[in-house]
């Protein structure tokens, strides 16, 4: 797998368990984005969109 994206959203109560599993499985190879940040700007969303379009796998936490 070439590109793994992890989106932190607080949508799921077991996010910590899945985060631990992704950290174990992919380590530093996964790109992580915190969508919970209140200061997100258009450039941030553009960067995330570009990463999502190029990703092989997207994990939402």
C-alpha atoms as a PDB file:
ATOM      1  CA  UNK A   1       0.000   0.000   0.000  1.00  0.00           C
ATOM      2  CA  UNK A   2       1.520   3.315  -1.046  1.00  0.00           C
ATOM      3  CA  UNK A   3      -0.445   6.022   0.712  1.00  0.00           C
ATOM      4  CA  UNK A   4      -2.523   5.842   3.892  1.00  0.00           C
ATOM      5  CA  UNK A   5      -4.454   8.853   5.186  1.00  0.00           C
ATOM      6  CA  UNK A   6      -5.827   8.997   8.742  1.00  0.00           C
ATOM      7  CA  UNK A   7      -8.534  11.593   9.389  1.00  0.00           C
ATOM      8  CA  UNK A   8      -9.138  12.539  13.016  1.00  0.00           C
ATOM      9  CA  UNK A   9     -12.820  13.537  13.295  1.00  0.00           C
ATOM     10  CA  UNK A  10     -14.086  12.343  16.718  1.00  0.00           C
ATOM     11  CA  UNK A  11     -16.941  10.526  14.970  1.00  0.00           C
ATOM     12  CA  UNK A  12     -16.239   7.154  16.564  1.00  0.00           C
ATOM     13  CA  UNK A  13     -15.930   6.342  20.278  1.00  0.00           C
ATOM     14  CA  UNK A  14     -13.267   3.665  19.668  1.00  0.00           C
ATOM     15  CA  UNK A  15     -10.954   6.001  17.771  1.00  0.00           C
ATOM     16  CA  UNK A  16      -8.099   5.462  20.234  1.00  0.00           C
ATOM     17  CA  UNK A  17      -8.132   1.715  19.555  1.00  0.00           C
ATOM     18  CA  UNK A  18      -8.103   2.184  15.803  1.00  0.00           C
ATOM     19  CA  UNK A  19      -5.410   4.878  16.073  1.00  0.00           C
ATOM     20  CA  UNK A  20      -3.201   2.478  18.027  1.00  0.00           C
ATOM     21  CA  UNK A  21      -3.722  -0.183  15.369  1.00  0.00           C
ATOM     22  CA  UNK A  22      -2.914   2.201  12.509  1.00  0.00           C
ATOM     23  CA  UNK A  23       0.176   3.471  14.325  1.00  0.00           C
ATOM     24  CA  UNK A  24       1.303  -0.124  14.781  1.00  0.00           C
ATOM     25  CA  UNK A  25       0.528  -1.163  11.212  1.00  0.00           C
ATOM     26  CA  UNK A  26       1.623   1.923   9.265  1.00  0.00           C
ATOM     27  CA  UNK A  27       3.757   3.945  11.690  1.00  0.00           C
ATOM     28  CA  UNK A  28       5.163   7.095  10.162  1.00  0.00           C
ATOM     29  CA  UNK A  29       4.041   6.052   6.683  1.00  0.00           C
ATOM     30  CA  UNK A  30       0.473   7.217   7.352  1.00  0.00           C
ATOM     31  CA  UNK A  31      -0.316  10.891   6.900  1.00  0.00           C
ATOM     32  CA  UNK A  32      -2.570  12.198   9.639  1.00  0.00           C
ATOM     33  CA  UNK A  33      -4.932  15.153   9.418  1.00  0.00           C
ATOM     34  CA  UNK A  34      -6.831  16.616  12.370  1.00  0.00           C
ATOM     35  CA  UNK A  35     -10.200  17.782  11.030  1.00  0.00           C
ATOM     36  CA  UNK A  36     -11.274  18.870  14.526  1.00  0.00           C
ATOM     37  CA  UNK A  37      -9.176  22.033  14.410  1.00  0.00           C
ATOM     38  CA  UNK A  38     -11.339  25.167  14.477  1.00  0.00           C
ATOM     39  CA  UNK A  39      -8.694  27.211  12.624  1.00  0.00           C
ATOM     40  CA  UNK A  40      -8.835  25.244   9.348  1.00  0.00           C
ATOM     41  CA  UNK A  41      -8.516  27.473   6.290  1.00  0.00           C
ATOM     42  CA  UNK A  42      -9.152  26.892   2.598  1.00  0.00           C
ATOM     43  CA  UNK A  43      -5.483  26.047   1.979  1.00  0.00           C
ATOM     44  CA  UNK A  44      -5.661  23.340   4.669  1.00  0.00           C
ATOM     45  CA  UNK A  45      -8.737  21.807   3.058  1.00  0.00           C
ATOM     46  CA  UNK A  46      -7.071  21.948  -0.368  1.00  0.00           C
ATOM     47  CA  UNK A  47      -4.031  20.077   0.995  1.00  0.00           C
ATOM     48  CA  UNK A  48      -6.269  17.443   2.596  1.00  0.00           C
ATOM     49  CA  UNK A  49      -8.326  17.054  -0.585  1.00  0.00           C
ATOM     50  CA  UNK A  50      -5.177  16.536  -2.656  1.00  0.00           C
ATOM     51  CA  UNK A  51      -3.945  13.896  -0.217  1.00  0.00           C
ATOM     52  CA  UNK A  52      -7.315  12.117  -0.237  1.00  0.00           C
ATOM     53  CA  UNK A  53      -7.420  11.966  -4.016  1.00  0.00           C
ATOM     54  CA  UNK A  54      -3.946  10.421  -4.144  1.00  0.00           C
ATOM     55  CA  UNK A  55      -4.480   7.996  -1.231  1.00  0.00           C
ATOM     56  CA  UNK A  56      -4.721   4.228  -1.523  1.00  0.00           C
ATOM     57  CA  UNK A  57      -6.486   3.954   1.827  1.00  0.00           C
ATOM     58  CA  UNK A  58      -8.408   6.427   4.030  1.00  0.00           C
ATOM     59  CA  UNK A  59      -9.090   5.696   7.699  1.00  0.00           C
ATOM     60  CA  UNK A  60     -11.565   7.901   9.543  1.00  0.00           C
ATOM     61  CA  UNK A  61     -11.328   8.101  13.324  1.00  0.00           C
END
